[in-house]
Amino acid sequence: MEFEKMINDTHDMSQRLQAVIGPWDGNLLVTHLAGVVGRLADDVMTIEGKLAMPVENVHLARNIADALIQLIRLSNMYRIDLEQAWTELLEFGRSSLSNEAFVTMMRDTIRQNQERRQQD
């Protein structure tokens, strides 16, 4: 599915939802997103065997999609061009990862953090 279609479909659904339950402000959207991310974390922890929850209660794909919908709703609310932001983020990531000094610093920091955790 194209990014623009996902954004437009989410906007249409949000408009219909708003007609039924009323408008949501940014605080409510972020609170709902936090709940969705919590369910997503429970799903991953269950799949990884770290949470004693029946695996049939896991809805990983649905919760990932729900998180994406809430992020799109927030971007629409604050008039953020999500496609442009996505492109800029990817360009930043590619540029950073092609910078050997940056990559070396990342590796060294991660290694140091792991060593500290092992010492504790």
C-alpha atoms as a PDB file:
ATOM      1  CA  MET A   1       0.000   0.000   0.000  1.00  0.00           C
ATOM      2  CA  GLU A   2       1.244   3.469  -0.798  1.00  0.00           C
ATOM      3  CA  PHE A   3       2.109   5.797   2.032  1.00  0.00           C
ATOM      4  CA  GLU A   4      -0.210   8.540   0.806  1.00  0.00           C
ATOM      5  CA  LYS A   5      -3.140   6.112   0.625  1.00  0.00           C
ATOM      6  CA  MET A   6      -2.473   4.970   4.199  1.00  0.00           C
ATOM      7  CA  ILE A   7      -2.487   8.592   5.343  1.00  0.00           C
ATOM      8  CA  ASN A   8      -5.689   9.407   3.432  1.00  0.00           C
ATOM      9  CA  ASP A   9      -7.473   6.250   4.614  1.00  0.00           C
ATOM     10  CA  THR A  10      -6.496   7.024   8.217  1.00  0.00           C
ATOM     11  CA  HIS A  11      -7.753  10.588   7.849  1.00  0.00           C
ATOM     12  CA  ASP A  12     -11.081   9.335   6.472  1.00  0.00           C
ATOM     13  CA  MET A  13     -11.469   6.820   9.308  1.00  0.00           C
ATOM     14  CA  SER A  14     -10.592   9.490  11.888  1.00  0.00           C
ATOM     15  CA  GLN A  15     -13.259  11.794  10.460  1.00  0.00           C
ATOM     16  CA  ARG A  16     -15.904   9.049  10.729  1.00  0.00           C
ATOM     17  CA  LEU A  17     -14.759   8.161  14.251  1.00  0.00           C
ATOM     18  CA  GLN A  18     -14.898  11.805  15.246  1.00  0.00           C
ATOM     19  CA  ALA A  19     -18.502  11.995  13.999  1.00  0.00           C
ATOM     20  CA  VAL A  20     -19.411   9.104  16.320  1.00  0.00           C
ATOM     21  CA  ILE A  21     -17.430   9.847  19.499  1.00  0.00           C
ATOM     22  CA  GLY A  22     -16.326  13.435  19.109  1.00  0.00           C
ATOM     23  CA  PRO A  23     -12.900  14.959  18.539  1.00  0.00           C
ATOM     24  CA  TRP A  24      -9.719  13.746  20.216  1.00  0.00           C
ATOM     25  CA  ASP A  25      -7.017  16.217  21.146  1.00  0.00           C
ATOM     26  CA  GLY A  26      -3.289  15.541  20.996  1.00  0.00           C
ATOM     27  CA  ASN A  27      -3.150  14.471  24.652  1.00  0.00           C
ATOM     28  CA  LEU A  28      -5.778  11.803  24.154  1.00  0.00           C
ATOM     29  CA  LEU A  29      -4.121  10.539  20.969  1.00  0.00           C
ATOM     30  CA  VAL A  30      -0.745  10.240  22.689  1.00  0.00           C
ATOM     31  CA  THR A  31      -2.336   8.493  25.671  1.00  0.00           C
ATOM     32  CA  HIS A  32      -4.024   5.999  23.362  1.00  0.00           C
ATOM     33  CA  LEU A  33      -0.760   5.492  21.474  1.00  0.00           C
ATOM     34  CA  ALA A  34       0.996   4.718  24.766  1.00  0.00           C
ATOM     35  CA  GLY A  35      -1.646   2.076  25.503  1.00  0.00           C
ATOM     36  CA  VAL A  36      -1.218   0.541  22.065  1.00  0.00           C
ATOM     37  CA  VAL A  37       2.566   0.458  22.485  1.00  0.00           C
ATOM     38  CA  GLY A  38       2.043  -1.246  25.847  1.00  0.00           C
ATOM     39  CA  ARG A  39      -0.063  -3.958  24.190  1.00  0.00           C
ATOM     40  CA  LEU A  40       2.588  -4.266  21.489  1.00  0.00           C
ATOM     41  CA  ALA A  41       5.273  -4.726  24.148  1.00  0.00           C
ATOM     42  CA  ASP A  42       3.154  -7.423  25.832  1.00  0.00           C
ATOM     43  CA  ASP A  43       2.783  -9.190  22.472  1.00  0.00           C
ATOM     44  CA  VAL A  44       6.540  -9.222  21.853  1.00  0.00           C
ATOM     45  CA  MET A  45       7.298 -10.309  25.414  1.00  0.00           C
ATOM     46  CA  THR A  46       4.768 -13.149  25.088  1.00  0.00           C
ATOM     47  CA  ILE A  47       6.201 -14.283  21.760  1.00  0.00           C
ATOM     48  CA  GLU A  48       9.703 -14.176  23.255  1.00  0.00           C
ATOM     49  CA  GLY A  49       8.553 -16.246  26.244  1.00  0.00           C
ATOM     50  CA  LYS A  50       9.079 -13.482  28.801  1.00  0.00           C
ATOM     51  CA  LEU A  51       5.424 -12.901  29.732  1.00  0.00           C
ATOM     52  CA  ALA A  52       3.037 -15.565  30.997  1.00  0.00           C
ATOM     53  CA  MET A  53       0.169 -14.797  28.668  1.00  0.00           C
ATOM     54  CA  PRO A  54      -1.541 -17.209  26.256  1.00  0.00           C
ATOM     55  CA  VAL A  55      -0.049 -16.826  22.790  1.00  0.00           C
ATOM     56  CA  GLU A  56      -3.553 -16.840  21.305  1.00  0.00           C
ATOM     57  CA  ASN A  57      -4.021 -13.438  22.980  1.00  0.00           C
ATOM     58  CA  VAL A  58      -1.183 -11.997  20.863  1.00  0.00           C
ATOM     59  CA  HIS A  59      -2.247  -9.581  18.105  1.00  0.00           C
ATOM     60  CA  LEU A  60       1.174  -8.363  16.988  1.00  0.00           C
ATOM     61  CA  ALA A  61       0.306  -7.289  13.430  1.00  0.00           C
ATOM     62  CA  ARG A  62      -2.900  -5.576  14.554  1.00  0.00           C
ATOM     63  CA  ASN A  63      -1.127  -3.684  17.344  1.00  0.00           C
ATOM     64  CA  ILE A  64       1.670  -2.574  15.014  1.00  0.00           C
ATOM     65  CA  ALA A  65      -0.974  -1.326  12.560  1.00  0.00           C
ATOM     66  CA  ASP A  66      -2.861   0.399  15.394  1.00  0.00           C
ATOM     67  CA  ALA A  67       0.315   2.185  16.511  1.00  0.00           C
ATOM     68  CA  LEU A  68       0.912   3.301  12.924  1.00  0.00           C
ATOM     69  CA  ILE A  69      -2.650   4.607  12.658  1.00  0.00           C
ATOM     70  CA  GLN A  70      -2.253   6.620  15.868  1.00  0.00           C
ATOM     71  CA  LEU A  71       1.037   8.081  14.613  1.00  0.00           C
ATOM     72  CA  ILE A  72      -0.588   9.034  11.318  1.00  0.00           C
ATOM     73  CA  ARG A  73      -3.488  10.630  13.216  1.00  0.00           C
ATOM     74  CA  LEU A  74      -1.024  12.675  15.276  1.00  0.00           C
ATOM     75  CA  SER A  75       0.870  13.764  12.182  1.00  0.00           C
ATOM     76  CA  ASN A  76      -2.404  14.841  10.561  1.00  0.00           C
ATOM     77  CA  MET A  77      -3.454  16.738  13.688  1.00  0.00           C
ATOM     78  CA  TYR A  78      -0.203  18.688  13.770  1.00  0.00           C
ATOM     79  CA  ARG A  79      -0.016  19.064   9.978  1.00  0.00           C
ATOM     80  CA  ILE A  80       3.230  17.137   9.675  1.00  0.00           C
ATOM     81  CA  ASP A  81       4.174  15.903   6.234  1.00  0.00           C
ATOM     82  CA  LEU A  82       4.879  12.357   7.381  1.00  0.00           C
ATOM     83  CA  GLU A  83       6.215  11.226   4.028  1.00  0.00           C
ATOM     84  CA  GLN A  84       8.732  14.076   3.999  1.00  0.00           C
ATOM     85  CA  ALA A  85       9.699  13.402   7.624  1.00  0.00           C
ATOM     86  CA  TRP A  86      10.184   9.713   6.769  1.00  0.00           C
ATOM     87  CA  THR A  87      12.374  10.533   3.797  1.00  0.00           C
ATOM     88  CA  GLU A  88      14.473  12.993   5.821  1.00  0.00           C
ATOM     89  CA  LEU A  89      14.918  10.448   8.628  1.00  0.00           C
ATOM     90  CA  LEU A  90      16.068   7.766   6.196  1.00  0.00           C
ATOM     91  CA  GLU A  91      18.490  10.191   4.563  1.00  0.00           C
ATOM     92  CA  PHE A  92      19.887  11.132   7.981  1.00  0.00           C
ATOM     93  CA  GLY A  93      20.271   7.455   8.897  1.00  0.00           C
ATOM     94  CA  ARG A  94      22.022   6.611   5.651  1.00  0.00           C
ATOM     95  CA  SER A  95      24.334   9.591   6.001  1.00  0.00           C
ATOM     96  CA  SER A  96      25.147   8.754   9.630  1.00  0.00           C
ATOM     97  CA  LEU A  97      25.805   5.099   8.866  1.00  0.00           C
ATOM     98  CA  SER A  98      28.126   5.979   6.002  1.00  0.00           C
ATOM     99  CA  ASN A  99      30.218   8.128   8.373  1.00  0.00           C
ATOM    100  CA  GLU A 100      32.879   5.756   9.698  1.00  0.00           C
ATOM    101  CA  ALA A 101      33.727   7.951  12.694  1.00  0.00           C
ATOM    102  CA  PHE A 102      30.063   7.945  13.757  1.00  0.00           C
ATOM    103  CA  VAL A 103      29.761   4.181  13.298  1.00  0.00           C
ATOM    104  CA  THR A 104      32.922   3.605  15.333  1.00  0.00           C
ATOM    105  CA  MET A 105      31.602   5.854  18.113  1.00  0.00           C
ATOM    106  CA  MET A 106      28.295   3.911  18.132  1.00  0.00           C
ATOM    107  CA  ARG A 107      30.085   0.560  18.357  1.00  0.00           C
ATOM    108  CA  ASP A 108      32.391   1.774  21.131  1.00  0.00           C
ATOM    109  CA  THR A 109      29.507   3.211  23.159  1.00  0.00           C
ATOM    110  CA  ILE A 110      27.457   0.028  22.833  1.00  0.00           C
ATOM    111  CA  ARG A 111      30.431  -2.117  23.812  1.00  0.00           C
ATOM    112  CA  GLN A 112      31.117   0.095  26.863  1.00  0.00           C
ATOM    113  CA  ASN A 113      27.477  -0.092  27.946  1.00  0.00           C
ATOM    114  CA  GLN A 114      27.493  -3.873  27.627  1.00  0.00           C
ATOM    115  CA  GLU A 115      30.689  -4.142  29.654  1.00  0.00           C
ATOM    116  CA  ARG A 116      29.212  -1.932  32.403  1.00  0.00           C
ATOM    117  CA  ARG A 117      26.064  -4.032  32.500  1.00  0.00           C
ATOM    118  CA  GLN A 118      28.132  -7.225  32.860  1.00  0.00           C
ATOM    119  CA  GLN A 119      30.101  -5.695  35.738  1.00  0.00           C
ATOM    120  CA  ASP A 120      26.947  -4.773  37.694  1.00  0.00           C
END
